[in-house]
């Protein structure tokens, strides 16, 4: 029998509720970030080069080469970690367990997240392509709770603190640019 259960997340986000099988480690690979779990529930996402793990219950071990977590770092219930695939920077924090994978309830909870990552995440609910006209906008950090029942309004709320606005150029092109 196989001693490893392995999934590769190519893009997007996913929530895993893993059955405990001590003899078979569950592994999710997203770009250079690896998450290993035995009987736990956690969220993994890839948004504009920002990779993240949030643990709902149990423990997840995260690893990424050439970074502060190259040897592995454990995350337990309520903890999250982001990994920037361009700079290898790692950030950690915690939030209430009910906020983990809140996208399943049409909400995005962000705490000092890059606008570019949030635009990519919200963009899954908006048809077509979203272009951020100024890289400065994408590098800004915002916090908040964004309602995906109205994704365009959520997008506007994300970019407004960065001094930008959202223009729907066509039904398949949205442009974010300075005000």
N, C-alpha and C. Protein backbone atom coordinates (compact mmCIF):
# COMPACT_ATOMS: atom_id res chain seq x y z
N UNK A 1 0.83 -1.18 0.00
CA UNK A 1 0.00 0.00 0.00
C UNK A 1 0.88 1.25 0.00
N UNK A 2 0.35 2.33 -0.53
CA UNK A 2 1.07 3.59 -0.58
C UNK A 2 1.06 4.24 0.79
N UNK A 3 2.23 4.73 1.21
CA UNK A 3 2.35 5.35 2.53
C UNK A 3 2.14 6.85 2.47
N UNK A 4 1.86 7.38 1.30
CA UNK A 4 1.73 8.81 1.14
C UNK A 4 0.50 9.14 0.30
N UNK A 5 -0.27 10.10 0.75
CA UNK A 5 -1.38 10.64 -0.05
C UNK A 5 -0.93 12.02 -0.50
N UNK A 6 -0.86 12.26 -1.81
CA UNK A 6 -0.27 13.49 -2.33
C UNK A 6 -1.21 14.18 -3.32
N UNK A 7 -1.31 15.51 -3.16
CA UNK A 7 -2.09 16.34 -4.08
C UNK A 7 -1.22 17.51 -4.49
N UNK A 8 -1.27 17.87 -5.75
CA UNK A 8 -0.58 19.07 -6.22
C UNK A 8 -1.62 20.10 -6.63
N UNK A 9 -1.61 21.25 -5.96
CA UNK A 9 -2.52 22.34 -6.28
C UNK A 9 -1.81 23.22 -7.30
N UNK A 10 -2.34 23.26 -8.52
CA UNK A 10 -1.70 24.02 -9.59
C UNK A 10 -2.03 25.50 -9.51
N UNK A 11 -3.25 25.82 -9.09
CA UNK A 11 -3.69 27.22 -8.98
C UNK A 11 -4.93 27.24 -8.10
N UNK A 12 -5.25 28.42 -7.60
CA UNK A 12 -6.49 28.59 -6.85
C UNK A 12 -6.35 28.26 -5.39
N UNK A 13 -7.45 27.79 -4.81
CA UNK A 13 -7.47 27.49 -3.39
C UNK A 13 -8.32 26.26 -3.14
N UNK A 14 -8.01 25.61 -2.04
CA UNK A 14 -8.74 24.39 -1.72
C UNK A 14 -8.75 24.19 -0.21
N UNK A 15 -9.80 23.54 0.26
CA UNK A 15 -9.92 23.20 1.67
C UNK A 15 -9.86 21.69 1.78
N UNK A 16 -9.04 21.20 2.71
CA UNK A 16 -8.88 19.77 2.90
C UNK A 16 -9.30 19.39 4.31
N UNK A 17 -10.16 18.39 4.42
CA UNK A 17 -10.55 17.82 5.70
C UNK A 17 -10.04 16.38 5.65
N UNK A 18 -8.89 16.17 6.26
CA UNK A 18 -8.13 14.93 6.09
C UNK A 18 -8.44 13.91 7.18
N UNK A 19 -8.79 12.72 6.77
CA UNK A 19 -9.02 11.63 7.71
C UNK A 19 -7.68 11.20 8.31
N UNK A 20 -7.68 10.97 9.60
CA UNK A 20 -6.45 10.55 10.29
C UNK A 20 -6.08 9.14 9.89
N UNK A 21 -4.93 9.00 9.27
CA UNK A 21 -4.36 7.69 8.94
C UNK A 21 -2.88 7.80 9.26
N UNK A 22 -2.49 7.50 10.50
CA UNK A 22 -1.10 7.70 10.94
C UNK A 22 -0.06 7.05 10.04
N UNK A 23 -0.40 6.00 9.35
CA UNK A 23 0.56 5.32 8.48
C UNK A 23 0.66 5.97 7.09
N UNK A 24 -0.25 6.93 6.79
CA UNK A 24 -0.26 7.55 5.46
C UNK A 24 -0.35 9.07 5.57
N UNK A 25 0.78 9.72 5.44
CA UNK A 25 0.84 11.18 5.52
C UNK A 25 0.12 11.78 4.31
N UNK A 26 -0.60 12.87 4.54
CA UNK A 26 -1.30 13.60 3.49
C UNK A 26 -0.46 14.83 3.15
N UNK A 27 -0.10 15.00 1.88
CA UNK A 27 0.79 16.08 1.45
C UNK A 27 0.13 16.87 0.34
N UNK A 28 0.14 18.21 0.48
CA UNK A 28 -0.31 19.11 -0.58
C UNK A 28 0.89 19.92 -1.02
N UNK A 29 1.14 19.92 -2.31
CA UNK A 29 2.24 20.70 -2.89
C UNK A 29 1.63 21.83 -3.71
N UNK A 30 2.03 23.07 -3.42
CA UNK A 30 1.61 24.22 -4.22
C UNK A 30 2.87 25.03 -4.50
N UNK A 31 3.31 25.00 -5.76
CA UNK A 31 4.58 25.61 -6.16
C UNK A 31 5.68 25.04 -5.26
N UNK A 32 6.43 25.89 -4.56
CA UNK A 32 7.53 25.41 -3.73
C UNK A 32 7.11 25.12 -2.29
N UNK A 33 5.87 25.34 -1.96
CA UNK A 33 5.39 25.17 -0.59
C UNK A 33 4.77 23.78 -0.44
N UNK A 34 5.17 23.09 0.61
CA UNK A 34 4.64 21.76 0.91
C UNK A 34 3.93 21.81 2.26
N UNK A 35 2.72 21.24 2.32
CA UNK A 35 1.97 21.14 3.58
C UNK A 35 1.74 19.67 3.87
N UNK A 36 2.14 19.22 5.05
CA UNK A 36 1.97 17.82 5.44
C UNK A 36 1.05 17.73 6.65
N UNK A 37 0.10 16.80 6.59
CA UNK A 37 -0.87 16.69 7.67
C UNK A 37 -1.24 15.24 7.94
N UNK A 38 -1.62 15.00 9.19
CA UNK A 38 -2.20 13.72 9.60
C UNK A 38 -3.49 14.06 10.33
N UNK A 39 -4.62 13.81 9.73
CA UNK A 39 -5.90 14.06 10.39
C UNK A 39 -6.09 15.49 10.81
N UNK A 40 -6.37 16.36 9.88
CA UNK A 40 -6.53 17.78 10.17
C UNK A 40 -7.41 18.41 9.09
N UNK A 41 -7.78 19.66 9.30
CA UNK A 41 -8.54 20.41 8.29
C UNK A 41 -7.80 21.73 8.06
N UNK A 42 -7.51 22.01 6.79
CA UNK A 42 -6.75 23.22 6.48
C UNK A 42 -7.04 23.71 5.08
N UNK A 43 -6.65 24.96 4.85
CA UNK A 43 -6.88 25.66 3.61
C UNK A 43 -5.52 25.96 2.97
N UNK A 44 -5.41 25.79 1.66
CA UNK A 44 -4.20 26.11 0.92
C UNK A 44 -4.61 26.98 -0.26
N UNK A 45 -3.84 28.05 -0.53
CA UNK A 45 -4.18 28.93 -1.64
C UNK A 45 -2.93 29.44 -2.33
N UNK A 46 -3.08 29.75 -3.61
CA UNK A 46 -2.04 30.38 -4.42
C UNK A 46 -2.67 31.58 -5.09
N UNK A 47 -2.25 32.78 -4.68
CA UNK A 47 -2.82 34.02 -5.20
C UNK A 47 -1.71 34.97 -5.60
N UNK A 48 -1.50 35.16 -6.89
CA UNK A 48 -0.52 36.13 -7.41
C UNK A 48 0.86 35.94 -6.79
N UNK A 49 1.32 34.69 -6.71
CA UNK A 49 2.64 34.41 -6.17
C UNK A 49 2.71 34.30 -4.66
N UNK A 50 1.60 34.61 -3.98
CA UNK A 50 1.55 34.46 -2.53
C UNK A 50 0.88 33.12 -2.23
N UNK A 51 1.59 32.25 -1.56
CA UNK A 51 1.09 30.94 -1.20
C UNK A 51 0.72 30.98 0.27
N UNK A 52 -0.41 30.37 0.62
CA UNK A 52 -0.82 30.43 2.02
C UNK A 52 -1.40 29.12 2.51
N UNK A 53 -1.26 28.94 3.83
CA UNK A 53 -1.84 27.79 4.54
C UNK A 53 -2.52 28.36 5.77
N UNK A 54 -3.74 27.91 6.02
CA UNK A 54 -4.48 28.28 7.24
C UNK A 54 -5.04 27.01 7.84
N UNK A 55 -4.84 26.81 9.13
CA UNK A 55 -5.24 25.55 9.78
C UNK A 55 -6.52 25.76 10.57
N UNK A 56 -7.53 24.97 10.24
CA UNK A 56 -8.82 25.01 10.93
C UNK A 56 -8.77 24.14 12.19
N UNK A 57 -8.21 22.95 12.06
CA UNK A 57 -8.04 22.06 13.21
C UNK A 57 -6.87 21.13 12.96
N UNK A 58 -6.27 20.65 14.03
CA UNK A 58 -5.13 19.76 13.91
C UNK A 58 -3.83 20.52 13.73
N UNK A 59 -2.84 19.85 13.14
CA UNK A 59 -1.50 20.41 12.94
C UNK A 59 -1.05 20.14 11.51
N UNK A 60 -0.42 21.15 10.90
CA UNK A 60 0.14 21.03 9.56
C UNK A 60 1.60 21.46 9.64
N UNK A 61 2.46 20.70 8.99
CA UNK A 61 3.87 21.07 8.89
C UNK A 61 4.09 21.66 7.51
N UNK A 62 4.64 22.88 7.46
CA UNK A 62 4.89 23.57 6.19
C UNK A 62 6.39 23.63 5.94
N UNK A 63 6.77 23.46 4.67
CA UNK A 63 8.17 23.55 4.28
C UNK A 63 8.27 24.26 2.94
N UNK A 64 9.33 25.06 2.77
CA UNK A 64 9.63 25.70 1.50
C UNK A 64 11.14 25.87 1.43
N UNK A 65 11.77 25.41 0.35
CA UNK A 65 13.23 25.52 0.25
C UNK A 65 13.69 26.97 0.21
N UNK A 66 14.92 27.19 0.60
CA UNK A 66 15.57 28.52 0.56
C UNK A 66 14.79 29.58 1.33
N UNK A 67 14.12 29.17 2.41
CA UNK A 67 13.34 30.13 3.20
C UNK A 67 13.53 29.84 4.68
N UNK A 68 12.90 30.66 5.50
CA UNK A 68 12.97 30.48 6.95
C UNK A 68 12.29 29.18 7.39
N UNK A 69 11.48 28.59 6.52
CA UNK A 69 10.79 27.33 6.88
C UNK A 69 11.35 26.14 6.09
N UNK A 70 12.59 26.25 5.64
CA UNK A 70 13.21 25.15 4.88
C UNK A 70 13.24 23.86 5.69
N UNK A 71 13.46 23.97 6.99
CA UNK A 71 13.48 22.79 7.85
C UNK A 71 12.12 22.37 8.35
N UNK A 72 11.10 23.15 8.04
CA UNK A 72 9.74 22.85 8.46
C UNK A 72 9.29 23.74 9.60
N UNK A 73 8.02 24.08 9.58
CA UNK A 73 7.40 24.87 10.65
C UNK A 73 6.01 24.33 10.88
N UNK A 74 5.64 24.16 12.13
CA UNK A 74 4.31 23.63 12.45
C UNK A 74 3.31 24.74 12.67
N UNK A 75 2.12 24.51 12.15
CA UNK A 75 1.00 25.42 12.34
C UNK A 75 -0.11 24.64 13.00
N UNK A 76 -0.73 25.19 14.03
CA UNK A 76 -1.86 24.52 14.66
C UNK A 76 -3.13 25.32 14.45
N UNK A 77 -4.22 24.82 14.99
CA UNK A 77 -5.55 25.41 14.76
C UNK A 77 -5.54 26.92 14.96
N UNK A 78 -6.07 27.62 13.97
CA UNK A 78 -6.17 29.07 14.00
C UNK A 78 -4.95 29.79 13.46
N UNK A 79 -3.89 29.09 13.17
CA UNK A 79 -2.68 29.73 12.66
C UNK A 79 -2.65 29.72 11.14
N UNK A 80 -2.00 30.76 10.57
CA UNK A 80 -1.84 30.86 9.13
C UNK A 80 -0.40 31.24 8.81
N UNK A 81 -0.02 30.98 7.57
CA UNK A 81 1.30 31.33 7.10
C UNK A 81 1.20 31.70 5.63
N UNK A 82 1.95 32.73 5.22
CA UNK A 82 2.05 33.05 3.81
C UNK A 82 3.51 32.93 3.40
N UNK A 83 3.71 32.54 2.15
CA UNK A 83 5.04 32.37 1.59
C UNK A 83 5.06 33.09 0.25
N UNK A 84 5.96 34.06 0.10
CA UNK A 84 6.09 34.81 -1.15
C UNK A 84 7.05 34.04 -2.05
N UNK A 85 6.55 33.49 -3.15
CA UNK A 85 7.38 32.66 -4.01
C UNK A 85 8.45 33.45 -4.75
N UNK A 86 8.35 34.78 -4.79
CA UNK A 86 9.37 35.60 -5.45
C UNK A 86 10.52 35.96 -4.51
N UNK A 87 10.19 36.26 -3.25
CA UNK A 87 11.22 36.72 -2.31
C UNK A 87 11.56 35.68 -1.24
N UNK A 88 10.78 34.62 -1.16
CA UNK A 88 10.92 33.56 -0.15
C UNK A 88 10.62 34.06 1.27
N UNK A 89 9.96 35.21 1.37
CA UNK A 89 9.59 35.76 2.67
C UNK A 89 8.43 34.96 3.25
N UNK A 90 8.45 34.79 4.56
CA UNK A 90 7.42 34.04 5.28
C UNK A 90 6.79 34.96 6.32
N UNK A 91 5.47 34.95 6.38
CA UNK A 91 4.75 35.68 7.43
C UNK A 91 3.84 34.69 8.13
N UNK A 92 3.66 34.91 9.43
CA UNK A 92 2.78 34.03 10.22
C UNK A 92 1.85 34.87 11.05
N UNK A 93 0.72 34.27 11.41
CA UNK A 93 -0.23 34.94 12.28
C UNK A 93 -1.30 33.96 12.74
N UNK A 94 -2.31 34.51 13.40
CA UNK A 94 -3.41 33.66 13.83
C UNK A 94 -4.72 34.41 13.66
N UNK A 95 -5.80 33.65 13.55
CA UNK A 95 -7.14 34.23 13.46
C UNK A 95 -8.11 33.22 14.06
N UNK A 96 -9.32 33.67 14.25
CA UNK A 96 -10.34 32.77 14.80
C UNK A 96 -10.58 31.61 13.85
N UNK A 97 -10.80 30.44 14.40
CA UNK A 97 -10.99 29.25 13.57
C UNK A 97 -12.12 29.42 12.57
N UNK A 98 -13.18 30.13 12.91
CA UNK A 98 -14.31 30.34 12.00
C UNK A 98 -13.95 31.18 10.79
N UNK A 99 -12.79 31.83 10.81
CA UNK A 99 -12.36 32.65 9.69
C UNK A 99 -11.49 31.88 8.70
N UNK A 100 -11.12 30.66 9.04
CA UNK A 100 -10.31 29.84 8.15
C UNK A 100 -11.19 29.35 6.99
N UNK A 101 -10.70 29.53 5.78
CA UNK A 101 -11.42 29.13 4.56
C UNK A 101 -12.81 29.77 4.50
N UNK A 102 -12.89 31.01 4.93
CA UNK A 102 -14.18 31.71 4.93
C UNK A 102 -14.74 31.91 3.53
N UNK A 103 -13.90 31.73 2.51
CA UNK A 103 -14.38 31.84 1.12
C UNK A 103 -15.48 30.80 0.85
N UNK A 104 -15.50 29.74 1.63
CA UNK A 104 -16.56 28.74 1.45
C UNK A 104 -17.92 29.31 1.85
N UNK A 105 -17.91 30.40 2.65
CA UNK A 105 -19.13 31.10 3.05
C UNK A 105 -19.25 32.44 2.34
N UNK A 106 -18.57 32.59 1.21
CA UNK A 106 -18.58 33.81 0.40
C UNK A 106 -18.02 35.03 1.12
N UNK A 107 -17.01 34.82 1.96
CA UNK A 107 -16.31 35.91 2.63
C UNK A 107 -14.81 35.72 2.47
N UNK A 108 -14.11 36.83 2.40
CA UNK A 108 -12.65 36.79 2.46
C UNK A 108 -12.24 37.63 3.66
N UNK A 109 -11.48 37.02 4.56
CA UNK A 109 -10.97 37.72 5.72
C UNK A 109 -9.48 37.94 5.48
N UNK A 110 -9.06 39.21 5.49
CA UNK A 110 -7.67 39.55 5.20
C UNK A 110 -7.08 40.36 6.34
N UNK A 111 -5.84 40.05 6.64
CA UNK A 111 -5.12 40.81 7.66
C UNK A 111 -3.76 41.20 7.08
N UNK A 112 -3.63 42.46 6.70
CA UNK A 112 -2.40 42.99 6.12
C UNK A 112 -1.93 42.16 4.94
N UNK A 113 -2.86 41.84 4.03
CA UNK A 113 -2.52 41.05 2.84
C UNK A 113 -2.25 41.96 1.67
N UNK A 114 -1.41 41.51 0.76
CA UNK A 114 -1.08 42.27 -0.44
C UNK A 114 -2.33 42.43 -1.30
N UNK A 115 -2.54 43.63 -1.81
CA UNK A 115 -3.68 43.89 -2.69
C UNK A 115 -3.65 42.94 -3.89
N UNK A 116 -2.46 42.68 -4.45
CA UNK A 116 -2.37 41.80 -5.62
C UNK A 116 -2.90 40.40 -5.31
N UNK A 117 -2.62 39.87 -4.11
CA UNK A 117 -3.11 38.55 -3.73
C UNK A 117 -4.62 38.56 -3.55
N UNK A 118 -5.15 39.62 -2.95
CA UNK A 118 -6.60 39.72 -2.75
C UNK A 118 -7.33 39.91 -4.08
N UNK A 119 -6.75 40.69 -4.98
CA UNK A 119 -7.34 40.87 -6.31
C UNK A 119 -7.42 39.52 -7.03
N UNK A 120 -6.34 38.73 -6.95
CA UNK A 120 -6.34 37.41 -7.56
C UNK A 120 -7.40 36.50 -6.94
N UNK A 121 -7.53 36.56 -5.63
CA UNK A 121 -8.50 35.71 -4.94
C UNK A 121 -9.93 36.11 -5.30
N UNK A 122 -10.24 37.40 -5.22
CA UNK A 122 -11.59 37.87 -5.55
C UNK A 122 -11.87 37.68 -7.04
N UNK A 123 -10.83 37.76 -7.85
CA UNK A 123 -10.98 37.59 -9.30
C UNK A 123 -11.58 36.25 -9.71
N UNK A 124 -11.53 35.27 -8.84
CA UNK A 124 -12.14 33.98 -9.15
C UNK A 124 -13.67 34.10 -9.26
N UNK A 125 -14.23 35.15 -8.69
CA UNK A 125 -15.68 35.36 -8.71
C UNK A 125 -16.09 36.39 -9.77
N UNK A 126 -15.12 36.90 -10.53
CA UNK A 126 -15.40 37.91 -11.57
C UNK A 126 -14.97 37.33 -12.91
N UNK A 127 -15.88 37.31 -13.89
CA UNK A 127 -15.51 36.74 -15.19
C UNK A 127 -14.47 37.59 -15.91
N UNK A 128 -13.63 36.94 -16.69
CA UNK A 128 -12.65 37.66 -17.49
C UNK A 128 -11.36 37.93 -16.74
N UNK A 129 -10.64 38.90 -17.25
CA UNK A 129 -9.32 39.23 -16.72
C UNK A 129 -9.36 40.53 -15.93
N UNK A 130 -8.55 40.58 -14.86
CA UNK A 130 -8.40 41.79 -14.06
C UNK A 130 -6.95 42.25 -14.22
N UNK A 131 -6.78 43.51 -14.61
CA UNK A 131 -5.44 44.07 -14.80
C UNK A 131 -5.22 45.16 -13.76
N UNK A 132 -4.13 45.06 -13.02
CA UNK A 132 -3.74 46.11 -12.08
C UNK A 132 -2.72 46.97 -12.83
N UNK A 133 -3.13 48.21 -13.17
CA UNK A 133 -2.34 49.08 -14.03
C UNK A 133 -1.06 49.61 -13.39
N UNK A 134 -0.98 49.63 -12.07
CA UNK A 134 0.18 50.19 -11.38
C UNK A 134 0.66 49.18 -10.33
N UNK A 135 1.89 48.68 -10.46
CA UNK A 135 2.41 47.69 -9.50
C UNK A 135 2.39 48.19 -8.05
N UNK A 136 2.49 49.50 -7.85
CA UNK A 136 2.45 50.06 -6.50
C UNK A 136 1.14 49.69 -5.81
N UNK A 137 0.04 49.73 -6.56
CA UNK A 137 -1.27 49.38 -5.99
C UNK A 137 -1.24 47.95 -5.47
N UNK A 138 -0.73 47.03 -6.28
CA UNK A 138 -0.69 45.61 -5.90
C UNK A 138 0.18 45.32 -4.71
N UNK A 139 1.19 46.17 -4.47
CA UNK A 139 2.11 45.93 -3.35
C UNK A 139 1.58 46.44 -2.01
N UNK A 140 0.53 47.22 -2.03
CA UNK A 140 -0.03 47.76 -0.79
C UNK A 140 -0.68 46.65 0.03
N UNK A 141 -0.79 46.85 1.32
CA UNK A 141 -1.39 45.87 2.23
C UNK A 141 -2.69 46.40 2.78
N UNK A 142 -3.70 45.53 2.86
CA UNK A 142 -4.99 45.91 3.41
C UNK A 142 -5.52 44.82 4.33
N UNK A 143 -6.43 45.22 5.20
CA UNK A 143 -7.11 44.29 6.10
C UNK A 143 -8.61 44.54 5.98
N UNK A 144 -9.38 43.50 6.22
CA UNK A 144 -10.82 43.67 6.20
C UNK A 144 -11.55 42.37 5.95
N UNK A 145 -12.87 42.47 5.94
CA UNK A 145 -13.74 41.34 5.61
C UNK A 145 -14.48 41.75 4.34
N UNK A 146 -14.36 40.95 3.30
CA UNK A 146 -14.89 41.29 1.99
C UNK A 146 -15.94 40.26 1.58
N UNK A 147 -17.11 40.75 1.18
CA UNK A 147 -18.26 39.93 0.87
C UNK A 147 -18.24 39.52 -0.61
N UNK A 148 -18.09 38.24 -0.87
CA UNK A 148 -18.03 37.74 -2.25
C UNK A 148 -19.40 37.60 -2.91
N UNK A 149 -20.48 37.89 -2.17
CA UNK A 149 -21.79 37.92 -2.80
C UNK A 149 -21.88 39.06 -3.80
N UNK A 150 -21.04 40.09 -3.64
CA UNK A 150 -20.91 41.19 -4.59
C UNK A 150 -19.42 41.37 -4.84
N UNK A 151 -18.83 40.55 -5.73
CA UNK A 151 -17.37 40.57 -5.91
C UNK A 151 -16.82 41.90 -6.43
N UNK A 152 -17.58 42.59 -7.26
CA UNK A 152 -17.08 43.89 -7.76
C UNK A 152 -16.96 44.88 -6.60
N UNK A 153 -17.93 44.91 -5.73
CA UNK A 153 -17.88 45.80 -4.56
C UNK A 153 -16.74 45.37 -3.62
N UNK A 154 -16.54 44.07 -3.46
CA UNK A 154 -15.43 43.58 -2.64
C UNK A 154 -14.10 44.04 -3.23
N UNK A 155 -13.96 43.95 -4.54
CA UNK A 155 -12.75 44.39 -5.22
C UNK A 155 -12.53 45.89 -5.01
N UNK A 156 -13.59 46.67 -5.12
CA UNK A 156 -13.50 48.11 -4.88
C UNK A 156 -13.04 48.40 -3.45
N UNK A 157 -13.57 47.65 -2.49
CA UNK A 157 -13.19 47.85 -1.09
C UNK A 157 -11.73 47.50 -0.85
N UNK A 158 -11.20 46.52 -1.57
CA UNK A 158 -9.79 46.12 -1.42
C UNK A 158 -8.86 47.20 -1.97
N UNK A 159 -9.17 47.75 -3.14
CA UNK A 159 -8.23 48.67 -3.79
C UNK A 159 -8.37 50.12 -3.33
N UNK A 160 -9.50 50.49 -2.76
CA UNK A 160 -9.73 51.88 -2.35
C UNK A 160 -8.66 52.39 -1.37
N UNK A 161 -8.29 51.64 -0.31
CA UNK A 161 -7.26 52.14 0.60
C UNK A 161 -5.90 52.34 -0.09
N UNK A 162 -5.68 51.67 -1.21
CA UNK A 162 -4.43 51.81 -1.96
C UNK A 162 -4.50 52.98 -2.94
N UNK A 163 -5.60 53.75 -2.89
CA UNK A 163 -5.75 54.90 -3.77
C UNK A 163 -6.09 54.53 -5.20
N UNK A 164 -6.87 53.49 -5.37
CA UNK A 164 -7.21 53.03 -6.72
C UNK A 164 -8.71 52.85 -6.86
N UNK A 165 -9.14 52.70 -8.11
CA UNK A 165 -10.55 52.39 -8.35
C UNK A 165 -10.65 51.31 -9.43
N UNK A 166 -11.83 50.74 -9.52
CA UNK A 166 -12.11 49.63 -10.42
C UNK A 166 -12.95 50.13 -11.58
N UNK A 167 -12.52 49.83 -12.79
CA UNK A 167 -13.31 50.17 -13.99
C UNK A 167 -13.60 48.89 -14.76
N UNK A 168 -14.85 48.67 -15.07
CA UNK A 168 -15.25 47.54 -15.89
C UNK A 168 -15.19 48.02 -17.34
N UNK A 169 -14.13 47.65 -18.07
CA UNK A 169 -13.93 48.11 -19.45
C UNK A 169 -14.86 47.37 -20.39
N UNK A 170 -15.00 46.07 -20.18
CA UNK A 170 -15.94 45.25 -20.95
C UNK A 170 -16.41 44.13 -20.04
N UNK A 171 -17.25 43.27 -20.54
CA UNK A 171 -17.75 42.20 -19.69
C UNK A 171 -16.65 41.21 -19.30
N UNK A 172 -15.51 41.27 -19.99
CA UNK A 172 -14.41 40.35 -19.68
C UNK A 172 -13.09 41.05 -19.38
N UNK A 173 -13.13 42.36 -19.10
CA UNK A 173 -11.92 43.07 -18.72
C UNK A 173 -12.22 44.11 -17.66
N UNK A 174 -11.52 43.97 -16.53
CA UNK A 174 -11.64 44.92 -15.41
C UNK A 174 -10.25 45.51 -15.20
N UNK A 175 -10.18 46.84 -15.08
CA UNK A 175 -8.90 47.53 -14.88
C UNK A 175 -8.91 48.22 -13.52
N UNK A 176 -7.84 48.04 -12.78
CA UNK A 176 -7.65 48.72 -11.51
C UNK A 176 -6.53 49.73 -11.72
N UNK A 177 -6.82 51.00 -11.47
CA UNK A 177 -5.84 52.06 -11.72
C UNK A 177 -5.96 53.13 -10.64
N UNK A 178 -4.93 54.00 -10.56
CA UNK A 178 -4.98 55.08 -9.57
C UNK A 178 -6.20 55.98 -9.81
N UNK A 179 -6.68 56.57 -8.75
CA UNK A 179 -7.85 57.46 -8.84
C UNK A 179 -7.48 58.71 -9.60
